[in-house]
Amino acid sequence: MATLDLRPLAAEPMHALIRDLAGTPDAGARQQLVERADGNPFFAEQLVLGGGDGGDLSRLLRRRLERLDDAARQVIRAAAVAARSVEHDLLARVTELDDDALDAALDQAIEHHILVPDARESYGFRHALLGETVADDLLPGARRRLHRAWLTALDGRPGVSADIARHAAAVGDLTTAADAAVAAAQAAEAVGGTREALQLYEDALGWIEDDPGRRGRLALAAAHAAELSGDQQRSRDLLDEVLAELDPQRHPVERALVLSEMAVWLTILDLPEDPGPLSQEAVRLVAGREDDDALQVMHARLQTLASLKEHDAAYQGGRRDHRARRAARAARDPGGGRRRPGPDPLLARARAVLRRSHRGAGGPRPAADRSAAGAAAPRSDRP
């Protein structure tokens, strides 16, 4: 008897199959069914017949798992909690099986078409629903122990921050979960994964409840990710939600940064609300500060005024406001005479707004601005 190994169906024929079986469910529900069926027409049929919960299918899959010995089930449970393709060495650490026992367990899981190996010495479920079924059958205590085991196994391993966040959240270590989610979000942003970053930032926001200041800065990062991913309304909503938590007395800087961002958003989206009072309050909240946060607020204020065509106010405010100049010097010269290498990007953007504002007011670029721009440029004879 020959065994024919069939490849999973591609997404398009799976969509067509589910449309034939279920009529015309909405696109979101159909996509969810396609993902859960994982290219298997039988799984798709059972999911549709079960109304999406796959009850009969889960019972069939459990029967397959019951044929395995204890060690194989132990390996499969560990893989199910990982919820991704898992490396051989990590499975060994999580299950604490010796080499021979682990190899035998993996051979059995592969022979029964539950796990499949790949070229990277990793293993994943042959079908996603197998992993779901195993994970759903775990008792809460067993699931929690496996999440803790995965946290221990992943500790110090690079590139797994998102996994650490999920496992830490599952065992109630929300501080570790939030820190790991932020690290994973920043890594995703670095390679253009703005939608993934947005989800991770929002996860972190959900895990931090008693630190409004940090929530404010996370909301700013999440709003930026939402903007870059094209979800402008979500960006605005995130800022609205966190602003109510930021008391002006206890968290003036974070409130100022959120207000500034909201003011800029109002000008970009051309909404009927007046952004002027928001940026004014933001400037007042950072009065007397000499750091990058203050400079960012001042830059947003100038940008808001310029967008409102208040060119004279933007230019004169930027030139006369002593706080803006002191903040600019602090950003450019944080070490008291030791300059950062290269021009400061935020300072350069602020000067660009001032130049644009002055041109809008009808004046030539002044000598003072030209000399200031020259002073910001890097020079090889400066330490």
Protein backbone atom coordinates (compact mmCIF):
# COMPACT_ATOMS: atom_id res chain seq x y z
CA MET A 1 0.00 0.00 0.00
CA ALA A 2 1.40 3.40 -0.99
CA THR A 3 0.94 6.56 1.04
CA LEU A 4 0.15 9.71 -0.86
CA ASP A 5 1.10 12.88 1.01
CA LEU A 6 -1.30 15.62 -0.13
CA ARG A 7 -0.36 19.26 0.09
CA PRO A 8 -2.74 21.68 1.85
CA LEU A 9 -5.13 23.56 -0.40
CA ALA A 10 -4.19 27.15 -1.16
CA ALA A 11 -6.21 30.01 0.31
CA GLU A 12 -8.29 30.75 -2.81
CA PRO A 13 -9.79 27.25 -3.27
CA MET A 14 -10.34 27.05 0.50
CA HIS A 15 -12.36 30.28 0.35
CA ALA A 16 -14.36 28.84 -2.56
CA LEU A 17 -14.99 25.58 -0.65
CA ILE A 18 -16.26 27.40 2.44
CA ARG A 19 -18.51 29.61 0.31
CA ASP A 20 -20.01 26.44 -1.23
CA LEU A 21 -20.48 24.82 2.19
CA ALA A 22 -21.69 27.78 4.20
CA GLY A 23 -23.28 30.07 1.64
CA THR A 24 -21.84 33.55 1.93
CA PRO A 25 -20.51 34.23 5.44
CA ASP A 26 -18.86 37.62 5.87
CA ALA A 27 -15.25 37.91 4.74
CA GLY A 28 -13.89 38.01 8.29
CA ALA A 29 -15.67 34.83 9.37
CA ARG A 30 -14.66 33.06 6.17
CA GLN A 31 -11.01 34.07 6.63
CA GLN A 32 -11.07 32.74 10.20
CA LEU A 33 -12.40 29.40 8.97
CA VAL A 34 -9.72 29.24 6.27
CA GLU A 35 -6.98 29.87 8.81
CA ARG A 36 -8.29 27.29 11.26
CA ALA A 37 -8.78 24.61 8.59
CA ASP A 38 -5.16 25.15 7.54
CA GLY A 39 -5.66 23.90 3.98
CA ASN A 40 -7.53 20.73 4.97
CA PRO A 41 -10.91 20.37 3.18
CA PHE A 42 -12.19 17.84 5.74
CA PHE A 43 -11.39 20.20 8.60
CA ALA A 44 -13.14 23.03 6.75
CA GLU A 45 -16.26 20.91 6.28
CA GLN A 46 -16.35 19.87 9.94
CA LEU A 47 -15.87 23.47 11.09
CA VAL A 48 -18.70 24.71 8.91
CA LEU A 49 -21.03 21.89 10.00
CA GLY A 50 -20.15 22.57 13.62
CA GLY A 51 -20.98 26.24 13.30
CA GLY A 52 -17.32 27.22 13.61
CA ASP A 53 -16.60 25.53 16.95
CA GLY A 54 -15.45 22.24 15.42
CA GLY A 55 -16.96 20.09 18.21
CA ASP A 56 -17.14 16.85 16.20
CA LEU A 57 -13.74 17.54 14.70
CA SER A 58 -12.20 18.07 18.14
CA ARG A 59 -13.49 14.69 19.24
CA LEU A 60 -11.94 13.04 16.19
CA LEU A 61 -8.61 14.72 16.84
CA ARG A 62 -8.66 13.68 20.50
CA ARG A 63 -8.98 10.06 19.46
CA ARG A 64 -5.77 10.39 17.46
CA LEU A 65 -3.98 11.79 20.48
CA GLU A 66 -5.20 8.97 22.72
CA ARG A 67 -3.19 6.48 20.62
CA LEU A 68 0.08 8.05 21.77
CA ASP A 69 2.10 7.15 24.85
CA ASP A 70 2.64 9.52 27.76
CA ALA A 71 5.97 10.94 26.54
CA ALA A 72 4.58 11.75 23.10
CA ARG A 73 1.56 13.46 24.64
CA GLN A 74 3.90 15.42 26.91
CA VAL A 75 5.83 16.69 23.89
CA ILE A 76 2.65 17.56 22.01
CA ARG A 77 1.23 19.48 24.99
CA ALA A 78 4.43 21.49 25.27
CA ALA A 79 4.28 22.30 21.56
CA ALA A 80 0.61 23.30 21.83
CA VAL A 81 1.33 25.84 24.57
CA ALA A 82 4.22 27.25 22.53
CA ALA A 83 1.67 28.01 19.77
CA ARG A 84 4.37 28.14 17.11
CA SER A 85 7.06 26.03 15.50
CA VAL A 86 9.43 24.94 18.30
CA GLU A 87 13.10 24.05 18.23
CA HIS A 88 14.33 20.64 19.31
CA ASP A 89 16.54 21.99 22.11
CA LEU A 90 13.69 24.08 23.55
CA LEU A 91 11.38 21.07 23.60
CA ALA A 92 14.06 19.16 25.49
CA ARG A 93 14.31 21.92 28.11
CA VAL A 94 10.55 22.30 28.53
CA THR A 95 9.69 18.58 28.69
CA GLU A 96 12.86 17.59 30.60
CA LEU A 97 12.98 14.34 28.62
CA ASP A 98 16.37 12.78 27.90
CA ASP A 99 17.57 12.56 24.31
CA ASP A 100 16.38 9.01 23.64
CA ALA A 101 12.94 9.55 25.18
CA LEU A 102 12.46 12.83 23.31
CA ASP A 103 13.48 11.29 19.98
CA ALA A 104 11.08 8.39 20.50
CA ALA A 105 8.24 10.75 21.44
CA LEU A 106 8.85 12.93 18.40
CA ASP A 107 9.02 9.90 16.10
CA GLN A 108 5.64 8.79 17.38
CA ALA A 109 4.05 12.24 17.00
CA ILE A 110 5.38 12.52 13.44
CA GLU A 111 4.33 8.97 12.52
CA HIS A 112 0.77 9.73 13.64
CA HIS A 113 0.74 12.89 11.50
CA ILE A 114 0.41 15.26 14.44
CA LEU A 115 3.76 17.05 14.31
CA VAL A 116 5.87 17.75 11.24
CA PRO A 117 9.60 18.58 11.22
CA ASP A 118 11.19 21.33 9.18
CA ALA A 119 14.70 22.04 7.94
CA ARG A 120 15.60 24.10 11.02
CA GLU A 121 15.32 21.21 13.49
CA SER A 122 11.97 22.58 14.57
CA TYR A 123 8.56 20.99 14.85
CA GLY A 124 5.06 22.32 14.28
CA PHE A 125 1.56 20.91 14.19
CA ARG A 126 0.54 19.33 10.92
CA HIS A 127 -2.72 21.25 11.22
CA ALA A 128 -3.41 24.26 13.41
CA LEU A 129 -6.57 22.69 14.83
CA LEU A 130 -4.55 19.85 16.33
CA GLY A 131 -2.64 22.37 18.41
CA GLU A 132 -5.87 24.16 19.38
CA THR A 133 -7.45 20.90 20.49
CA VAL A 134 -4.49 19.91 22.66
CA ALA A 135 -4.25 23.38 24.24
CA ASP A 136 -7.99 23.52 24.94
CA ASP A 137 -7.89 20.14 26.69
CA LEU A 138 -5.20 21.18 29.19
CA LEU A 139 -6.30 21.75 32.76
CA PRO A 140 -5.52 25.26 34.07
CA GLY A 141 -2.73 24.07 36.37
CA ALA A 142 -1.01 22.06 33.63
CA ARG A 143 -1.29 24.95 31.19
CA ARG A 144 0.19 27.37 33.71
CA ARG A 145 3.12 25.04 34.47
CA LEU A 146 3.91 24.72 30.77
CA HIS A 147 3.82 28.50 30.30
CA ARG A 148 6.29 28.83 33.19
CA ALA A 149 8.51 26.17 31.66
CA TRP A 150 8.51 28.06 28.36
CA LEU A 151 9.40 31.30 30.15
CA THR A 152 12.40 29.60 31.73
CA ALA A 153 13.47 28.00 28.46
CA LEU A 154 13.24 31.27 26.50
CA ASP A 155 15.06 33.40 29.08
CA GLY A 156 18.04 35.12 27.47
CA ARG A 157 17.22 33.87 24.00
CA PRO A 158 17.25 36.61 21.31
CA GLY A 159 14.31 37.41 19.08
CA VAL A 160 11.59 35.82 21.22
CA SER A 161 10.20 38.85 23.07
CA ALA A 162 6.68 38.35 21.72
CA ASP A 163 6.67 34.74 22.96
CA ILE A 164 7.97 35.81 26.37
CA ALA A 165 5.22 38.42 26.58
CA ARG A 166 2.51 35.84 25.88
CA HIS A 167 3.85 33.25 28.34
CA ALA A 168 4.44 35.86 31.06
CA ALA A 169 0.90 37.20 30.69
CA ALA A 170 -0.47 33.65 30.93
CA VAL A 171 1.16 33.16 34.35
CA GLY A 172 0.20 36.60 35.62
CA ASP A 173 3.63 38.25 35.40
CA LEU A 174 2.28 41.37 33.74
CA THR A 175 5.39 43.51 34.30
CA THR A 176 7.56 41.05 32.36
CA ALA A 177 4.80 40.67 29.77
CA ALA A 178 4.56 44.42 29.16
CA ASP A 179 8.35 44.90 28.96
CA ALA A 180 8.68 42.02 26.49
CA ALA A 181 5.75 43.26 24.38
CA VAL A 182 7.34 46.71 24.07
CA ALA A 183 10.67 45.16 23.04
CA ALA A 184 8.88 43.02 20.46
CA ALA A 185 6.94 46.04 19.17
CA GLN A 186 10.12 48.05 18.71
CA ALA A 187 11.74 45.14 16.88
CA ALA A 188 8.70 44.86 14.60
CA GLU A 189 8.78 48.59 13.85
CA ALA A 190 12.44 48.35 12.91
CA VAL A 191 11.56 46.03 10.02
CA GLY A 192 8.36 47.82 8.97
CA GLY A 193 5.90 45.61 10.86
CA THR A 194 3.70 48.46 12.04
CA ARG A 195 0.49 46.44 12.40
CA GLU A 196 2.26 43.84 14.52
CA ALA A 197 3.84 46.64 16.55
CA LEU A 198 0.44 48.25 17.11
CA GLN A 199 -1.01 44.99 18.46
CA LEU A 200 1.98 44.49 20.77
CA TYR A 201 1.81 48.05 22.10
CA GLU A 202 -1.90 47.61 22.76
CA ASP A 203 -1.19 44.32 24.54
CA ALA A 204 1.32 46.15 26.75
CA LEU A 205 -1.23 48.87 27.49
CA GLY A 206 -3.66 46.20 28.62
CA TRP A 207 -1.08 44.76 31.01
CA ILE A 208 -0.13 48.07 32.66
CA GLU A 209 -2.82 49.48 34.89
CA ASP A 210 -1.21 51.45 37.72
CA ASP A 211 1.36 53.58 35.88
CA PRO A 212 -0.40 56.39 33.96
CA GLY A 213 2.89 58.00 32.94
CA ARG A 214 4.16 54.87 31.24
CA ARG A 215 0.75 54.24 29.72
CA GLY A 216 0.89 57.72 28.22
CA ARG A 217 4.21 57.07 26.51
CA LEU A 218 3.05 53.65 25.32
CA ALA A 219 -0.11 55.20 23.90
CA LEU A 220 2.04 57.65 21.96
CA ALA A 221 4.09 54.78 20.53
CA ALA A 222 0.93 52.82 19.70
CA ALA A 223 -0.65 55.89 18.07
CA HIS A 224 2.44 56.32 15.92
CA ALA A 225 2.30 52.66 14.86
CA ALA A 226 -1.40 53.02 14.06
CA GLU A 227 -0.66 56.09 11.95
CA LEU A 228 2.05 54.29 9.99
CA SER A 229 -0.22 51.30 9.42
CA GLY A 230 -2.92 53.56 7.97
CA ASP A 231 -5.37 53.42 10.89
CA GLN A 232 -5.67 57.12 11.64
CA GLN A 233 -8.86 56.79 13.67
CA ARG A 234 -7.27 54.22 15.97
CA SER A 235 -4.32 56.54 16.44
CA ARG A 236 -6.63 59.33 17.57
CA ASP A 237 -8.67 57.00 19.80
CA LEU A 238 -5.56 55.77 21.62
CA LEU A 239 -4.58 59.33 22.49
CA ASP A 240 -8.11 60.21 23.61
CA GLU A 241 -8.29 57.15 25.85
CA VAL A 242 -5.04 57.77 27.70
CA LEU A 243 -5.39 61.55 28.07
CA ALA A 244 -8.10 61.17 30.73
CA GLU A 245 -5.64 59.19 32.88
CA LEU A 246 -2.87 61.82 32.82
CA ASP A 247 -3.28 64.21 35.71
CA PRO A 248 -1.56 67.56 34.87
CA GLN A 249 -0.05 67.75 38.36
CA ARG A 250 1.32 64.21 38.59
CA HIS A 251 2.17 63.54 34.93
CA PRO A 252 2.64 66.94 33.26
CA VAL A 253 5.22 65.86 30.67
CA GLU A 254 3.32 62.81 29.42
CA ARG A 255 0.11 64.84 29.27
CA ALA A 256 1.93 67.56 27.32
CA LEU A 257 3.28 65.05 24.81
CA VAL A 258 -0.16 63.52 24.27
CA LEU A 259 -1.80 66.95 23.91
CA SER A 260 0.85 68.00 21.40
CA GLU A 261 0.32 64.87 19.33
CA MET A 262 -3.44 65.37 19.41
CA ALA A 263 -3.07 68.98 18.28
CA VAL A 264 -0.92 67.92 15.34
CA TRP A 265 -3.47 65.24 14.47
CA LEU A 266 -6.30 67.77 14.42
CA THR A 267 -4.41 69.86 11.88
CA ILE A 268 -3.47 66.87 9.72
CA LEU A 269 -6.97 65.41 9.64
CA ASP A 270 -8.55 68.85 9.23
CA LEU A 271 -11.07 68.18 12.01
CA PRO A 272 -13.39 70.93 13.25
CA GLU A 273 -11.87 71.04 16.75
CA ASP A 274 -9.40 73.85 17.48
CA PRO A 275 -5.90 72.42 18.07
CA GLY A 276 -4.56 75.74 19.39
CA PRO A 277 -5.67 75.35 23.03
CA LEU A 278 -4.30 71.81 23.15
CA SER A 279 -0.83 72.87 22.07
CA GLN A 280 -0.98 75.92 24.37
CA GLU A 281 -1.71 73.73 27.38
CA ALA A 282 1.09 71.38 26.35
CA VAL A 283 3.62 74.24 26.25
CA ARG A 284 2.47 75.46 29.66
CA LEU A 285 2.93 71.99 31.17
CA VAL A 286 6.61 71.79 30.16
CA ALA A 287 7.49 75.38 31.14
CA GLY A 288 10.99 75.56 32.55
CA ARG A 289 12.09 72.12 31.32
CA GLU A 290 15.28 71.71 29.29
CA ASP A 291 15.12 68.29 27.66
CA ASP A 292 14.05 66.47 24.51
CA ASP A 293 10.45 66.17 25.70
CA ALA A 294 10.17 69.95 26.04
CA LEU A 295 11.72 70.47 22.61
CA GLN A 296 9.28 67.98 21.10
CA VAL A 297 6.34 69.87 22.63
CA MET A 298 7.69 73.19 21.32
CA HIS A 299 8.19 71.71 17.87
CA ALA A 300 4.61 70.45 17.84
CA ARG A 301 3.39 73.89 18.92
CA LEU A 302 5.22 75.56 16.04
CA GLN A 303 3.96 72.92 13.62
CA THR A 304 0.39 73.49 14.80
CA LEU A 305 0.67 77.27 14.39
CA ALA A 306 2.20 76.89 10.94
CA SER A 307 -0.58 74.51 9.88
CA LEU A 308 -3.15 77.05 11.06
CA LYS A 309 -1.45 79.66 8.85
CA GLU A 310 -0.44 81.69 11.90
CA HIS A 311 2.99 82.21 10.40
CA ASP A 312 3.94 85.33 12.34
CA ALA A 313 2.98 83.73 15.64
CA ALA A 314 4.88 80.56 14.81
CA TYR A 315 8.02 82.35 13.73
CA GLN A 316 8.06 85.02 16.41
CA GLY A 317 7.11 82.51 19.09
CA GLY A 318 9.94 80.25 18.01
CA ARG A 319 12.49 83.07 18.04
CA ARG A 320 11.39 84.79 21.23
CA ASP A 321 10.46 81.90 23.43
CA HIS A 322 13.44 81.49 25.73
CA ARG A 323 12.31 78.04 26.79
CA ALA A 324 12.46 76.73 23.24
CA ARG A 325 16.02 78.02 22.80
CA ARG A 326 17.13 76.58 26.12
CA ALA A 327 15.49 73.22 25.30
CA ALA A 328 17.18 73.23 21.89
CA ARG A 329 20.57 73.86 23.50
CA ALA A 330 19.90 71.11 26.04
CA ALA A 331 19.07 68.63 23.28
CA ARG A 332 22.10 69.70 21.25
CA ASP A 333 24.49 69.97 24.19
CA PRO A 334 23.33 67.59 26.96
CA GLY A 335 26.76 67.15 28.51
CA GLY A 336 27.46 70.80 29.27
CA GLY A 337 29.81 71.58 26.41
CA ARG A 338 29.98 68.13 24.80
CA ARG A 339 27.88 67.95 21.65
CA ARG A 340 26.14 64.92 20.21
CA PRO A 341 27.78 63.68 17.03
CA GLY A 342 25.84 64.95 14.04
CA PRO A 343 22.82 67.26 13.82
CA ASP A 344 19.87 66.68 16.13
CA PRO A 345 16.89 65.53 13.99
CA LEU A 346 14.23 67.07 16.21
CA LEU A 347 16.06 70.39 16.26
CA ALA A 348 16.37 70.25 12.49
CA ARG A 349 12.64 69.68 12.12
CA ALA A 350 11.87 72.60 14.43
CA ARG A 351 14.09 74.90 12.37
CA ALA A 352 12.38 73.69 9.18
CA VAL A 353 9.00 74.67 10.62
CA LEU A 354 10.35 78.08 11.60
CA ARG A 355 11.78 78.67 8.14
CA ARG A 356 8.50 77.63 6.52
CA SER A 357 6.56 79.89 8.87
CA HIS A 358 8.78 82.87 8.15
CA ARG A 359 8.44 82.37 4.41
CA GLY A 360 4.66 82.17 4.87
CA ALA A 361 4.79 85.52 6.68
CA GLY A 362 6.57 87.01 3.67
CA GLY A 363 10.07 87.43 5.07
CA PRO A 364 13.45 86.13 3.89
CA ARG A 365 15.30 83.61 5.97
CA PRO A 366 17.08 85.74 8.59
CA ALA A 367 20.78 85.72 9.26
CA ALA A 368 20.21 84.60 12.84
CA ASP A 369 18.42 81.49 11.60
CA ARG A 370 21.15 80.80 9.07
CA SER A 371 23.84 81.07 11.70
CA ALA A 372 21.89 78.86 14.10
CA ALA A 373 21.52 76.22 11.42
CA GLY A 374 25.23 76.40 10.78
CA ALA A 375 25.96 76.03 14.46
CA ALA A 376 23.89 72.82 14.54
CA ALA A 377 25.88 71.22 11.72
CA PRO A 378 28.66 68.85 12.80
CA ARG A 379 32.20 70.18 12.71
CA SER A 380 35.30 68.06 12.78
CA ASP A 381 37.18 70.46 15.06
CA ARG A 382 34.58 70.17 17.84
CA PRO A 383 35.04 67.54 20.56
